[in-house]
Amino acid sequence: MRIHLIRHGAPDCPPQPSLSSKEYRGWMDAYRAAGIIDNPPDSLRTWLKATGVQSVFSSVLPRSVQSARA
């Protein structure tokens, strides 16, 4: 058995370079709830089909679930 780790797609949450601790807490909530803004590259889709992946596991965060489905 082989295990491959694939990073999720880019989050649909703009970066915030300077935030107070209170603002950061709100931004982190938005970051965790964000979906993805891109699709997996064609090269990844081709590789996944060629390897015959049978199972995909992800965290329950929306962006992770959306990436796994994509």
N, C-alpha and C. Protein backbone atom coordinates (compact mmCIF):
# COMPACT_ATOMS: atom_id res chain seq x y z
N MET A 1 0.85 -1.18 0.00
CA MET A 1 0.00 0.00 0.00
C MET A 1 0.90 1.24 0.00
N ARG A 2 0.48 2.23 -0.74
CA ARG A 2 1.18 3.52 -0.78
C ARG A 2 0.23 4.62 -0.32
N ILE A 3 0.79 5.58 0.36
CA ILE A 3 0.02 6.73 0.80
C ILE A 3 0.64 7.97 0.16
N HIS A 4 -0.18 8.76 -0.50
CA HIS A 4 0.28 9.99 -1.15
C HIS A 4 -0.43 11.16 -0.49
N LEU A 5 0.32 12.17 -0.14
CA LEU A 5 -0.26 13.38 0.43
C LEU A 5 -0.35 14.44 -0.64
N ILE A 6 -1.55 14.98 -0.81
CA ILE A 6 -1.78 16.01 -1.83
C ILE A 6 -2.40 17.21 -1.14
N ARG A 7 -1.81 18.34 -1.34
CA ARG A 7 -2.28 19.56 -0.70
C ARG A 7 -3.59 20.02 -1.34
N HIS A 8 -4.45 20.60 -0.53
CA HIS A 8 -5.73 21.10 -1.03
C HIS A 8 -5.52 22.31 -1.94
N GLY A 9 -6.56 22.68 -2.65
CA GLY A 9 -6.50 23.84 -3.54
C GLY A 9 -6.38 25.14 -2.76
N ALA A 10 -6.06 26.20 -3.47
CA ALA A 10 -5.91 27.52 -2.83
C ALA A 10 -7.22 27.95 -2.19
N PRO A 11 -7.17 28.45 -0.96
CA PRO A 11 -8.41 28.85 -0.28
C PRO A 11 -9.01 30.12 -0.86
N ASP A 12 -10.33 30.19 -0.82
CA ASP A 12 -11.06 31.36 -1.27
C ASP A 12 -11.15 32.36 -0.12
N CYS A 13 -9.98 32.84 0.30
CA CYS A 13 -9.89 33.76 1.43
C CYS A 13 -8.64 34.62 1.21
N PRO A 14 -8.82 35.91 1.01
CA PRO A 14 -7.67 36.75 0.70
C PRO A 14 -6.68 36.82 1.87
N PRO A 15 -5.38 36.87 1.59
CA PRO A 15 -4.38 36.99 2.66
C PRO A 15 -4.49 38.34 3.36
N GLN A 16 -4.19 38.35 4.61
CA GLN A 16 -4.25 39.59 5.40
C GLN A 16 -2.88 39.78 6.06
N PRO A 17 -2.05 40.67 5.52
CA PRO A 17 -0.68 40.80 6.03
C PRO A 17 -0.56 41.37 7.44
N SER A 18 -1.50 42.18 7.87
CA SER A 18 -1.36 42.82 9.18
C SER A 18 -2.72 42.86 9.87
N LEU A 19 -2.83 42.12 10.96
CA LEU A 19 -4.09 42.04 11.69
C LEU A 19 -3.82 42.11 13.19
N SER A 20 -4.78 42.62 13.93
CA SER A 20 -4.69 42.56 15.39
C SER A 20 -5.05 41.13 15.80
N SER A 21 -4.80 40.77 17.05
CA SER A 21 -5.14 39.42 17.49
C SER A 21 -6.64 39.16 17.39
N LYS A 22 -7.45 40.16 17.65
CA LYS A 22 -8.90 40.01 17.54
C LYS A 22 -9.31 39.82 16.07
N GLU A 23 -8.72 40.60 15.17
CA GLU A 23 -9.01 40.47 13.74
C GLU A 23 -8.54 39.12 13.21
N TYR A 24 -7.39 38.67 13.72
CA TYR A 24 -6.83 37.40 13.26
C TYR A 24 -7.77 36.24 13.58
N ARG A 25 -8.37 36.27 14.73
CA ARG A 25 -9.31 35.21 15.11
C ARG A 25 -10.46 35.12 14.10
N GLY A 26 -11.02 36.27 13.71
CA GLY A 26 -12.10 36.29 12.72
C GLY A 26 -11.62 35.82 11.35
N TRP A 27 -10.40 36.24 10.97
CA TRP A 27 -9.85 35.83 9.69
C TRP A 27 -9.63 34.32 9.65
N MET A 28 -9.13 33.75 10.75
CA MET A 28 -8.92 32.30 10.81
C MET A 28 -10.23 31.54 10.67
N ASP A 29 -11.30 32.05 11.27
CA ASP A 29 -12.61 31.41 11.12
C ASP A 29 -13.03 31.40 9.65
N ALA A 30 -12.82 32.54 8.97
CA ALA A 30 -13.16 32.64 7.54
C ALA A 30 -12.26 31.71 6.72
N TYR A 31 -10.99 31.63 7.07
CA TYR A 31 -10.03 30.77 6.35
C TYR A 31 -10.44 29.31 6.47
N ARG A 32 -10.80 28.89 7.67
CA ARG A 32 -11.20 27.49 7.90
C ARG A 32 -12.50 27.15 7.16
N ALA A 33 -13.38 28.11 7.00
CA ALA A 33 -14.67 27.88 6.35
C ALA A 33 -14.60 28.03 4.83
N ALA A 34 -13.49 28.57 4.32
CA ALA A 34 -13.37 28.86 2.89
C ALA A 34 -13.31 27.60 2.04
N GLY A 35 -13.87 27.69 0.85
CA GLY A 35 -13.73 26.63 -0.15
C GLY A 35 -12.46 26.87 -0.94
N ILE A 36 -12.36 26.27 -2.12
CA ILE A 36 -11.17 26.46 -2.96
C ILE A 36 -11.53 27.31 -4.18
N ILE A 37 -10.52 27.97 -4.73
CA ILE A 37 -10.75 28.84 -5.89
C ILE A 37 -10.20 28.26 -7.18
N ASP A 38 -9.57 27.09 -7.11
CA ASP A 38 -9.02 26.50 -8.31
C ASP A 38 -9.31 25.00 -8.35
N ASN A 39 -9.08 24.40 -9.48
CA ASN A 39 -9.27 22.96 -9.65
C ASN A 39 -7.91 22.29 -9.69
N PRO A 40 -7.86 20.98 -9.41
CA PRO A 40 -6.57 20.28 -9.49
C PRO A 40 -5.99 20.40 -10.90
N PRO A 41 -4.67 20.48 -10.99
CA PRO A 41 -4.05 20.54 -12.32
C PRO A 41 -4.32 19.25 -13.11
N ASP A 42 -4.34 19.37 -14.42
CA ASP A 42 -4.57 18.20 -15.28
C ASP A 42 -3.55 17.11 -15.00
N SER A 43 -2.31 17.49 -14.71
CA SER A 43 -1.27 16.49 -14.46
C SER A 43 -1.62 15.64 -13.23
N LEU A 44 -2.22 16.25 -12.21
CA LEU A 44 -2.63 15.49 -11.03
C LEU A 44 -3.78 14.55 -11.36
N ARG A 45 -4.75 15.05 -12.10
CA ARG A 45 -5.89 14.20 -12.50
C ARG A 45 -5.40 12.99 -13.31
N THR A 46 -4.48 13.23 -14.23
CA THR A 46 -3.92 12.14 -15.06
C THR A 46 -3.20 11.13 -14.18
N TRP A 47 -2.38 11.62 -13.25
CA TRP A 47 -1.63 10.74 -12.36
C TRP A 47 -2.57 9.91 -11.49
N LEU A 48 -3.61 10.53 -10.94
CA LEU A 48 -4.57 9.80 -10.10
C LEU A 48 -5.26 8.69 -10.88
N LYS A 49 -5.64 8.97 -12.12
CA LYS A 49 -6.28 7.94 -12.95
C LYS A 49 -5.31 6.80 -13.23
N ALA A 50 -4.05 7.14 -13.50
CA ALA A 50 -3.05 6.13 -13.83
C ALA A 50 -2.71 5.24 -12.63
N THR A 51 -2.77 5.77 -11.43
CA THR A 51 -2.41 5.00 -10.24
C THR A 51 -3.56 4.13 -9.74
N GLY A 52 -4.76 4.38 -10.21
CA GLY A 52 -5.91 3.58 -9.78
C GLY A 52 -6.26 3.80 -8.32
N VAL A 53 -6.24 5.04 -7.89
CA VAL A 53 -6.56 5.37 -6.50
C VAL A 53 -7.92 4.80 -6.14
N GLN A 54 -7.98 4.13 -4.98
CA GLN A 54 -9.23 3.51 -4.55
C GLN A 54 -9.89 4.24 -3.40
N SER A 55 -9.12 4.97 -2.62
CA SER A 55 -9.67 5.68 -1.46
C SER A 55 -9.05 7.06 -1.33
N VAL A 56 -9.86 8.00 -0.89
CA VAL A 56 -9.39 9.36 -0.63
C VAL A 56 -9.87 9.74 0.77
N PHE A 57 -8.96 10.24 1.56
CA PHE A 57 -9.29 10.68 2.91
C PHE A 57 -8.94 12.15 3.04
N SER A 58 -9.75 12.90 3.77
CA SER A 58 -9.45 14.31 3.98
C SER A 58 -10.00 14.73 5.34
N SER A 59 -9.59 15.91 5.77
CA SER A 59 -10.18 16.47 6.99
C SER A 59 -11.61 16.90 6.66
N VAL A 60 -12.31 17.38 7.65
CA VAL A 60 -13.70 17.80 7.44
C VAL A 60 -13.81 19.28 7.09
N LEU A 61 -12.69 19.98 7.00
CA LEU A 61 -12.74 21.40 6.62
C LEU A 61 -13.29 21.51 5.19
N PRO A 62 -14.14 22.51 4.94
CA PRO A 62 -14.77 22.64 3.61
C PRO A 62 -13.78 22.59 2.45
N ARG A 63 -12.65 23.27 2.58
CA ARG A 63 -11.68 23.33 1.49
C ARG A 63 -11.07 21.95 1.24
N SER A 64 -10.85 21.17 2.29
CA SER A 64 -10.30 19.83 2.13
C SER A 64 -11.29 18.89 1.46
N VAL A 65 -12.53 18.95 1.89
CA VAL A 65 -13.58 18.12 1.30
C VAL A 65 -13.78 18.51 -0.17
N GLN A 66 -13.81 19.80 -0.46
CA GLN A 66 -14.00 20.26 -1.84
C GLN A 66 -12.82 19.83 -2.70
N SER A 67 -11.61 19.89 -2.18
CA SER A 67 -10.43 19.45 -2.94
C SER A 67 -10.50 17.96 -3.21
N ALA A 68 -10.89 17.17 -2.22
CA ALA A 68 -10.98 15.71 -2.41
C ALA A 68 -12.02 15.37 -3.47
N ARG A 69 -13.14 16.06 -3.46
CA ARG A 69 -14.19 15.81 -4.46
C ARG A 69 -13.72 16.20 -5.87
N ALA A 70 -12.99 17.30 -5.95
CA ALA A 70 -12.50 17.78 -7.26
C ALA A 70 -11.51 16.80 -7.85
